[in-house]
Amino acid sequence: MKERVEKVIDKIRPVLQADGGNIELVDIVDGIVKVRLKGACAGCAGAQMTLKMGVERALKEEIPEVVSVESVQ
């Protein structure tokens, strides 16, 4: 599952990098994907929306086993 998640994140990454941010996969536990937002994304007021509406939605579309996505420090 980790490789599948990484492939989806690699598709999303250029969008985040265009705004000065980035994303890193930290862990996957029981279908919960833990990521770290970096750069401009780390302090952005819209980071939670990006996480849920962008990253989580994309992951769930391609990998039904994904339950949710959480940001960790």
Protein backbone atom coordinates (compact mmCIF):
# COMPACT_ATOMS: atom_id res chain seq x y z
CA MET A 1 0.00 0.00 0.00
CA LYS A 2 2.87 2.36 0.76
CA GLU A 3 4.08 2.27 -2.85
CA ARG A 4 0.57 3.02 -4.14
CA VAL A 5 0.22 5.97 -1.74
CA GLU A 6 3.63 7.31 -2.81
CA LYS A 7 2.57 7.19 -6.48
CA VAL A 8 -0.55 9.27 -5.77
CA ILE A 9 1.45 11.72 -3.64
CA ASP A 10 3.95 12.06 -6.50
CA LYS A 11 1.07 13.16 -8.74
CA ILE A 12 -0.03 15.79 -6.20
CA ARG A 13 3.44 17.05 -5.29
CA PRO A 14 3.97 19.36 -8.34
CA VAL A 15 0.81 21.31 -7.45
CA LEU A 16 2.06 21.89 -3.91
CA GLN A 17 5.57 22.73 -5.11
CA ALA A 18 4.14 25.35 -7.47
CA ASP A 19 2.94 27.22 -4.37
CA GLY A 20 6.22 26.77 -2.49
CA GLY A 21 5.16 23.73 -0.47
CA ASN A 22 5.72 20.01 -0.43
CA ILE A 23 4.38 16.82 1.16
CA GLU A 24 6.12 13.84 2.74
CA LEU A 25 4.64 10.44 3.57
CA VAL A 26 5.39 9.65 7.21
CA ASP A 27 3.44 6.44 7.93
CA ILE A 28 0.32 4.43 7.19
CA VAL A 29 -1.53 2.85 10.12
CA ASP A 30 -4.81 0.97 9.67
CA GLY A 31 -5.68 2.88 6.51
CA ILE A 32 -4.82 6.27 8.03
CA VAL A 33 -2.16 8.00 5.94
CA LYS A 34 0.08 10.29 7.96
CA VAL A 35 1.83 13.04 6.03
CA ARG A 36 3.97 16.05 6.80
CA LEU A 37 3.29 19.28 4.95
CA LYS A 38 6.46 21.24 4.30
CA GLY A 39 7.54 24.64 3.07
CA ALA A 40 4.77 27.15 2.46
CA CYS A 41 2.15 24.45 3.10
CA ALA A 42 3.30 23.98 6.70
CA GLY A 43 2.14 27.43 7.80
CA CYS A 44 -0.64 28.00 5.29
CA ALA A 45 -4.13 28.79 6.56
CA GLY A 46 -5.59 26.63 3.77
CA ALA A 47 -3.42 23.59 4.57
CA GLN A 48 -6.25 21.64 6.20
CA MET A 49 -8.48 22.16 3.18
CA THR A 50 -5.66 21.11 0.85
CA LEU A 51 -5.12 18.03 2.99
CA LYS A 52 -8.77 16.92 3.04
CA MET A 53 -10.11 18.17 -0.29
CA GLY A 54 -6.97 17.54 -2.31
CA VAL A 55 -4.71 14.88 -0.86
CA GLU A 56 -7.30 12.75 0.96
CA ARG A 57 -9.75 12.85 -1.94
CA ALA A 58 -7.08 11.86 -4.48
CA LEU A 59 -5.84 9.01 -2.29
CA LYS A 60 -9.35 7.65 -1.62
CA GLU A 61 -10.20 7.75 -5.34
CA GLU A 62 -7.20 5.60 -6.25
CA ILE A 63 -6.82 3.54 -3.08
CA PRO A 64 -10.17 2.57 -1.48
CA GLU A 65 -8.38 1.17 1.61
CA VAL A 66 -7.41 4.72 2.65
CA VAL A 67 -9.62 5.76 5.57
CA SER A 68 -8.31 9.29 6.08
CA VAL A 69 -5.25 11.52 5.84
CA GLU A 70 -3.73 13.26 8.85
CA SER A 71 -1.00 15.86 9.09
CA VAL A 72 1.76 15.25 11.62
CA GLN A 73 4.69 17.43 12.70
